Amino acid sequence: MANTQLTTVQQLRQLTQNGSKVFGEFERIMKERTPQFLSSVITAVNNNTSLQACDPNHILKCAMDSASLGLDVNPNLGLASLV
């Protein structure tokens, strides 16, 4: 029997695809930077096993908080962290 459960990263990709409600909410705040910002969120989760164990909705809430403050979640920049 195959495991059909989606990983956290796969769920985030589905939730944030262009045209989705979530994408629209981020676009309202981030404007043209939305794809770049959401890509940073997915990359941060993909590179962190602790974040991969989290609920994608909680990750998106933290990302929305960062977006509303104008802080990038790219770990290389060190401006905001998903916790």
Protein backbone atom coordinates (compact mmCIF):
# COMPACT_ATOMS: atom_id res chain seq x y z
CA MET A 1 0.00 0.00 0.00
CA ALA A 2 1.54 3.32 -1.10
CA ASN A 3 1.78 6.30 1.21
CA THR A 4 -0.33 9.04 -0.38
CA GLN A 5 0.10 11.59 2.40
CA LEU A 6 1.62 14.81 1.13
CA THR A 7 4.74 16.21 2.76
CA THR A 8 4.65 19.64 4.37
CA VAL A 9 6.59 21.11 1.44
CA GLN A 10 4.17 19.58 -1.08
CA GLN A 11 1.21 20.95 0.89
CA LEU A 12 2.79 24.41 0.98
CA ARG A 13 3.36 24.32 -2.78
CA GLN A 14 -0.30 23.46 -3.33
CA LEU A 15 -1.59 26.07 -0.90
CA THR A 16 0.55 28.87 -2.34
CA GLN A 17 0.24 28.27 -6.07
CA ASN A 18 -0.53 31.32 -8.19
CA GLY A 19 -4.27 31.97 -8.25
CA SER A 20 -4.96 30.37 -4.87
CA LYS A 21 -6.65 32.21 -2.01
CA VAL A 22 -3.42 32.07 0.03
CA PHE A 23 -1.41 33.51 -2.88
CA GLY A 24 -3.97 36.32 -3.14
CA GLU A 25 -3.63 37.17 0.55
CA PHE A 26 0.14 37.38 0.27
CA GLU A 27 -0.15 39.34 -2.98
CA ARG A 28 -2.30 41.93 -1.23
CA ILE A 29 0.60 42.63 1.14
CA MET A 30 3.72 41.75 -0.88
CA LYS A 31 2.53 42.91 -4.33
CA GLU A 32 4.99 41.86 -7.07
CA ARG A 33 7.35 40.26 -4.52
CA THR A 34 4.82 37.52 -3.68
CA PRO A 35 6.35 34.70 -5.79
CA GLN A 36 9.85 35.45 -4.45
CA PHE A 37 8.62 35.63 -0.84
CA LEU A 38 6.65 32.37 -1.05
CA SER A 39 9.59 30.68 -2.71
CA SER A 40 11.73 31.73 0.27
CA VAL A 41 9.14 30.22 2.64
CA ILE A 42 9.15 26.91 0.79
CA THR A 43 12.96 26.86 0.60
CA ALA A 44 13.24 27.57 4.34
CA VAL A 45 10.90 24.66 5.13
CA ASN A 46 12.57 22.36 2.63
CA ASN A 47 15.95 22.97 4.29
CA ASN A 48 14.77 22.56 7.89
CA THR A 49 13.58 19.18 9.18
CA SER A 50 12.00 20.78 12.25
CA LEU A 51 9.80 22.99 10.05
CA GLN A 52 8.90 19.99 7.91
CA ALA A 53 7.21 18.50 10.99
CA CYS A 54 5.00 21.59 11.43
CA ASP A 55 1.48 22.20 10.22
CA PRO A 56 1.63 24.08 6.88
CA ASN A 57 -1.09 26.46 8.08
CA HIS A 58 1.01 27.49 11.07
CA ILE A 59 3.98 28.07 8.78
CA LEU A 60 1.85 30.25 6.53
CA LYS A 61 0.61 32.24 9.53
CA CYS A 62 4.20 32.96 10.58
CA ALA A 63 5.04 33.85 6.99
CA MET A 64 2.07 36.22 6.84
CA ASP A 65 3.24 37.90 10.05
CA SER A 66 6.67 38.39 8.49
CA ALA A 67 5.17 39.66 5.24
CA SER A 68 3.01 42.19 7.05
CA LEU A 69 6.13 43.54 8.78
CA GLY A 70 8.04 43.60 5.49
CA LEU A 71 10.58 41.03 6.69
CA ASP A 72 11.95 38.35 4.38
CA VAL A 73 12.07 34.79 5.76
CA ASN A 74 15.12 33.85 3.71
CA PRO A 75 17.43 32.29 6.33
CA ASN A 76 20.50 33.72 4.57
CA LEU A 77 19.28 37.26 5.23
CA GLY A 78 18.47 36.67 8.90
CA LEU A 79 15.62 39.20 8.97
CA ALA A 80 12.89 36.82 10.21
CA SER A 81 12.58 33.19 11.21
CA LEU A 82 9.70 30.77 10.90
CA VAL A 83 9.16 29.42 14.40
